[in-house]
C-alpha atoms as a PDB file:
ATOM      1  CA  UNK A   1      -0.915  28.553  11.420  1.00  0.00           C
ATOM      2  CA  UNK A   2      -4.418  28.932  10.087  1.00  0.00           C
ATOM      3  CA  UNK A   3      -6.638  26.044   9.062  1.00  0.00           C
ATOM      4  CA  UNK A   4      -6.285  26.627   5.322  1.00  0.00           C
ATOM      5  CA  UNK A   5      -2.479  26.471   5.509  1.00  0.00           C
ATOM      6  CA  UNK A   6      -2.725  23.236   7.481  1.00  0.00           C
ATOM      7  CA  UNK A   7      -5.001  21.708   4.845  1.00  0.00           C
ATOM      8  CA  UNK A   8      -2.633  22.761   2.079  1.00  0.00           C
ATOM      9  CA  UNK A   9       0.283  21.286   3.988  1.00  0.00           C
ATOM     10  CA  UNK A  10      -1.520  17.985   4.535  1.00  0.00           C
ATOM     11  CA  UNK A  11      -2.559  17.891   0.885  1.00  0.00           C
ATOM     12  CA  UNK A  12       0.978  18.631  -0.263  1.00  0.00           C
ATOM     13  CA  UNK A  13       2.337  15.781   1.856  1.00  0.00           C
ATOM     14  CA  UNK A  14      -0.429  13.507   0.554  1.00  0.00           C
ATOM     15  CA  UNK A  15       0.338  14.439  -3.034  1.00  0.00           C
ATOM     16  CA  UNK A  16       4.032  13.813  -2.488  1.00  0.00           C
ATOM     17  CA  UNK A  17       3.388  10.428  -0.854  1.00  0.00           C
ATOM     18  CA  UNK A  18       0.979   9.413  -3.600  1.00  0.00           C
ATOM     19  CA  UNK A  19       3.465  10.474  -6.232  1.00  0.00           C
ATOM     20  CA  UNK A  20       6.153   8.412  -4.565  1.00  0.00           C
ATOM     21  CA  UNK A  21       3.850   5.396  -4.494  1.00  0.00           C
ATOM     22  CA  UNK A  22       3.106   5.769  -8.188  1.00  0.00           C
ATOM     23  CA  UNK A  23       6.798   6.197  -8.968  1.00  0.00           C
ATOM     24  CA  UNK A  24       7.634   3.073  -7.005  1.00  0.00           C
ATOM     25  CA  UNK A  25       4.869   1.205  -8.774  1.00  0.00           C
ATOM     26  CA  UNK A  26       5.944   2.301 -12.222  1.00  0.00           C
ATOM     27  CA  UNK A  27       9.706   2.325 -11.815  1.00  0.00           C
ATOM     28  CA  UNK A  28      10.836   0.050  -9.052  1.00  0.00           C
ATOM     29  CA  UNK A  29       8.128  -2.171  -7.674  1.00  0.00           C
ATOM     30  CA  UNK A  30       8.457  -5.698  -8.920  1.00  0.00           C
ATOM     31  CA  UNK A  31       5.903  -8.271  -7.737  1.00  0.00           C
ATOM     32  CA  UNK A  32       8.172 -11.127  -8.805  1.00  0.00           C
ATOM     33  CA  UNK A  33      11.003  -9.702  -6.710  1.00  0.00           C
ATOM     34  CA  UNK A  34       8.629  -9.541  -3.710  1.00  0.00           C
ATOM     35  CA  UNK A  35       7.648 -13.166  -4.244  1.00  0.00           C
ATOM     36  CA  UNK A  36      11.264 -14.263  -4.654  1.00  0.00           C
ATOM     37  CA  UNK A  37      12.201 -12.401  -1.472  1.00  0.00           C
ATOM     38  CA  UNK A  38       9.430 -14.057   0.536  1.00  0.00           C
ATOM     39  CA  UNK A  39      10.158 -17.466  -0.966  1.00  0.00           C
ATOM     40  CA  UNK A  40      13.818 -17.310  -0.012  1.00  0.00           C
ATOM     41  CA  UNK A  41      13.304 -15.825   3.464  1.00  0.00           C
ATOM     42  CA  UNK A  42      10.476 -18.150   4.422  1.00  0.00           C
ATOM     43  CA  UNK A  43      11.718 -21.235   2.562  1.00  0.00           C
ATOM     44  CA  UNK A  44       8.435 -21.617   0.707  1.00  0.00           C
ATOM     45  CA  UNK A  45       7.707 -24.945  -0.936  1.00  0.00           C
ATOM     46  CA  UNK A  46       6.987 -25.067  -4.667  1.00  0.00           C
ATOM     47  CA  UNK A  47       3.276 -25.415  -3.910  1.00  0.00           C
ATOM     48  CA  UNK A  48       3.378 -22.389  -1.600  1.00  0.00           C
ATOM     49  CA  UNK A  49       5.255 -20.379  -4.246  1.00  0.00           C
ATOM     50  CA  UNK A  50       2.643 -21.243  -6.858  1.00  0.00           C
ATOM     51  CA  UNK A  51      -0.157 -20.339  -4.483  1.00  0.00           C
ATOM     52  CA  UNK A  52       1.534 -17.052  -3.556  1.00  0.00           C
ATOM     53  CA  UNK A  53       2.003 -16.227  -7.229  1.00  0.00           C
ATOM     54  CA  UNK A  54      -1.696 -16.824  -7.848  1.00  0.00           C
ATOM     55  CA  UNK A  55      -2.714 -14.781  -4.803  1.00  0.00           C
ATOM     56  CA  UNK A  56      -0.494 -11.856  -5.762  1.00  0.00           C
ATOM     57  CA  UNK A  57      -1.636 -11.954  -9.393  1.00  0.00           C
ATOM     58  CA  UNK A  58      -5.281 -11.929  -8.293  1.00  0.00           C
ATOM     59  CA  UNK A  59      -4.695  -9.037  -5.921  1.00  0.00           C
ATOM     60  CA  UNK A  60      -2.824  -7.115  -8.597  1.00  0.00           C
ATOM     61  CA  UNK A  61      -5.731  -7.553 -11.020  1.00  0.00           C
ATOM     62  CA  UNK A  62      -8.266  -6.555  -8.368  1.00  0.00           C
ATOM     63  CA  UNK A  63      -6.235  -3.428  -7.611  1.00  0.00           C
ATOM     64  CA  UNK A  64      -5.909  -2.216 -11.216  1.00  0.00           C
ATOM     65  CA  UNK A  65      -9.192  -0.265 -11.411  1.00  0.00           C
ATOM     66  CA  UNK A  66      -8.632   1.185  -7.942  1.00  0.00           C
ATOM     67  CA  UNK A  67      -5.119   2.327  -8.863  1.00  0.00           C
ATOM     68  CA  UNK A  68      -6.594   4.081 -11.904  1.00  0.00           C
ATOM     69  CA  UNK A  69      -9.222   5.750  -9.711  1.00  0.00           C
ATOM     70  CA  UNK A  70      -6.463   6.773  -7.304  1.00  0.00           C
ATOM     71  CA  UNK A  71      -4.466   8.302 -10.162  1.00  0.00           C
ATOM     72  CA  UNK A  72      -7.534  10.288 -11.227  1.00  0.00           C
ATOM     73  CA  UNK A  73      -8.213  11.300  -7.621  1.00  0.00           C
ATOM     74  CA  UNK A  74      -4.613  12.482  -7.266  1.00  0.00           C
ATOM     75  CA  UNK A  75      -4.992  14.629 -10.388  1.00  0.00           C
ATOM     76  CA  UNK A  76      -8.313  16.041  -9.180  1.00  0.00           C
ATOM     77  CA  UNK A  77      -6.844  16.969  -5.804  1.00  0.00           C
ATOM     78  CA  UNK A  78      -3.831  18.619  -7.423  1.00  0.00           C
ATOM     79  CA  UNK A  79      -6.136  20.584  -9.742  1.00  0.00           C
ATOM     80  CA  UNK A  80      -8.324  21.628  -6.808  1.00  0.00           C
ATOM     81  CA  UNK A  81      -5.309  22.909  -4.879  1.00  0.00           C
ATOM     82  CA  UNK A  82      -4.096  24.894  -7.887  1.00  0.00           C
ATOM     83  CA  UNK A  83      -7.596  26.282  -8.451  1.00  0.00           C
ATOM     84  CA  UNK A  84      -7.881  27.478  -4.846  1.00  0.00           C
ATOM     85  CA  UNK A  85     -10.912  25.348  -4.053  1.00  0.00           C
ATOM     86  CA  UNK A  86     -12.547  25.592  -0.645  1.00  0.00           C
ATOM     87  CA  UNK A  87     -11.399  23.677   2.411  1.00  0.00           C
ATOM     88  CA  UNK A  88     -14.556  21.586   2.227  1.00  0.00           C
ATOM     89  CA  UNK A  89     -13.854  20.564  -1.362  1.00  0.00           C
ATOM     90  CA  UNK A  90     -10.238  19.724  -0.523  1.00  0.00           C
ATOM     91  CA  UNK A  91     -11.388  17.679   2.445  1.00  0.00           C
ATOM     92  CA  UNK A  92     -13.905  15.791   0.311  1.00  0.00           C
ATOM     93  CA  UNK A  93     -11.310  15.006  -2.371  1.00  0.00           C
ATOM     94  CA  UNK A  94      -8.801  13.950   0.289  1.00  0.00           C
ATOM     95  CA  UNK A  95     -11.349  11.635   1.863  1.00  0.00           C
ATOM     96  CA  UNK A  96     -12.104  10.070  -1.515  1.00  0.00           C
ATOM     97  CA  UNK A  97      -8.401   9.484  -2.027  1.00  0.00           C
ATOM     98  CA  UNK A  98      -8.072   7.997   1.461  1.00  0.00           C
ATOM     99  CA  UNK A  99     -10.897   5.554   0.760  1.00  0.00           C
ATOM    100  CA  UNK A 100      -9.114   4.351  -2.378  1.00  0.00           C
ATOM    101  CA  UNK A 101      -5.832   3.882  -0.527  1.00  0.00           C
ATOM    102  CA  UNK A 102      -7.740   1.911   2.119  1.00  0.00           C
ATOM    103  CA  UNK A 103      -9.172  -0.369  -0.584  1.00  0.00           C
ATOM    104  CA  UNK A 104      -5.686  -1.043  -1.964  1.00  0.00           C
ATOM    105  CA  UNK A 105      -4.390  -1.755   1.525  1.00  0.00           C
ATOM    106  CA  UNK A 106      -7.263  -4.167   2.116  1.00  0.00           C
ATOM    107  CA  UNK A 107      -6.608  -6.058  -1.116  1.00  0.00           C
ATOM    108  CA  UNK A 108      -2.933  -6.455  -0.264  1.00  0.00           C
ATOM    109  CA  UNK A 109      -3.640  -7.435   3.351  1.00  0.00           C
ATOM    110  CA  UNK A 110      -6.119 -10.107   2.265  1.00  0.00           C
ATOM    111  CA  UNK A 111      -3.588 -11.614  -0.149  1.00  0.00           C
ATOM    112  CA  UNK A 112      -0.935 -11.737   2.566  1.00  0.00           C
ATOM    113  CA  UNK A 113      -3.434 -13.177   5.061  1.00  0.00           C
ATOM    114  CA  UNK A 114      -4.282 -15.985   2.643  1.00  0.00           C
ATOM    115  CA  UNK A 115      -0.595 -16.713   2.152  1.00  0.00           C
ATOM    116  CA  UNK A 116       0.067 -16.546   5.892  1.00  0.00           C
ATOM    117  CA  UNK A 117      -2.674 -19.128   6.495  1.00  0.00           C
ATOM    118  CA  UNK A 118      -0.733 -21.575   4.313  1.00  0.00           C
ATOM    119  CA  UNK A 119       2.546 -21.221   6.196  1.00  0.00           C
ATOM    120  CA  UNK A 120       3.916 -23.787   8.595  1.00  0.00           C
ATOM    121  CA  UNK A 121       4.473 -22.782  12.211  1.00  0.00           C
ATOM    122  CA  UNK A 122       8.204 -22.339  11.517  1.00  0.00           C
ATOM    123  CA  UNK A 123       7.479 -20.145   8.493  1.00  0.00           C
ATOM    124  CA  UNK A 124       5.011 -18.086  10.522  1.00  0.00           C
ATOM    125  CA  UNK A 125       7.676 -17.540  13.160  1.00  0.00           C
ATOM    126  CA  UNK A 126      10.112 -16.360  10.465  1.00  0.00           C
ATOM    127  CA  UNK A 127       7.421 -14.094   9.010  1.00  0.00           C
ATOM    128  CA  UNK A 128       6.816 -12.528  12.413  1.00  0.00           C
ATOM    129  CA  UNK A 129      10.551 -11.944  12.847  1.00  0.00           C
ATOM    130  CA  UNK A 130      10.677 -10.303   9.413  1.00  0.00           C
ATOM    131  CA  UNK A 131       7.721  -8.105  10.367  1.00  0.00           C
ATOM    132  CA  UNK A 132       9.424  -7.060  13.602  1.00  0.00           C
ATOM    133  CA  UNK A 133      12.634  -6.149  11.768  1.00  0.00           C
ATOM    134  CA  UNK A 134      10.696  -4.138   9.199  1.00  0.00           C
ATOM    135  CA  UNK A 135       8.717  -2.377  11.935  1.00  0.00           C
ATOM    136  CA  UNK A 136      11.900  -1.445  13.770  1.00  0.00           C
ATOM    137  CA  UNK A 137      13.520  -0.344  10.541  1.00  0.00           C
ATOM    138  CA  UNK A 138      10.688   2.043   9.810  1.00  0.00           C
ATOM    139  CA  UNK A 139      10.328   3.168  13.421  1.00  0.00           C
ATOM    140  CA  UNK A 140       6.923   1.636  13.960  1.00  0.00           C
ATOM    141  CA  UNK A 141       5.638  -0.711  16.568  1.00  0.00           C
ATOM    142  CA  UNK A 142       4.685  -4.234  15.581  1.00  0.00           C
ATOM    143  CA  UNK A 143       1.059  -5.281  15.288  1.00  0.00           C
ATOM    144  CA  UNK A 144       1.375  -7.606  18.257  1.00  0.00           C
ATOM    145  CA  UNK A 145       2.599  -4.863  20.585  1.00  0.00           C
END
């Protein structure tokens, strides 16, 4: 398989994944449901729930302009593929998109880290067990391994 076909394949997978993320965001992702899930699984106190709500709201607001940039980047990459742009241009657009995804990941990780810092030892243990189950479910290794 030549290099250009590989790039197109990677871009197609990236476009599909990005599209799925946007669909989940617009049609199925519910921050309140995430908070309720964590609150019930970790037995969060009312103060912890309020703090988590604030943290998640702040991270959601911080992510808004980046999500818009990511949407625009997704459209630009799709247009570049359709226009037959060079490998270098596709690589540059893909790297721009990757940087935006990294920023969103960082925002979310920081919010969860701030919440994690507020957990009791028992809640942290439950959180680690949840993480392990999720990692196994998705076929990934845990962070601690």
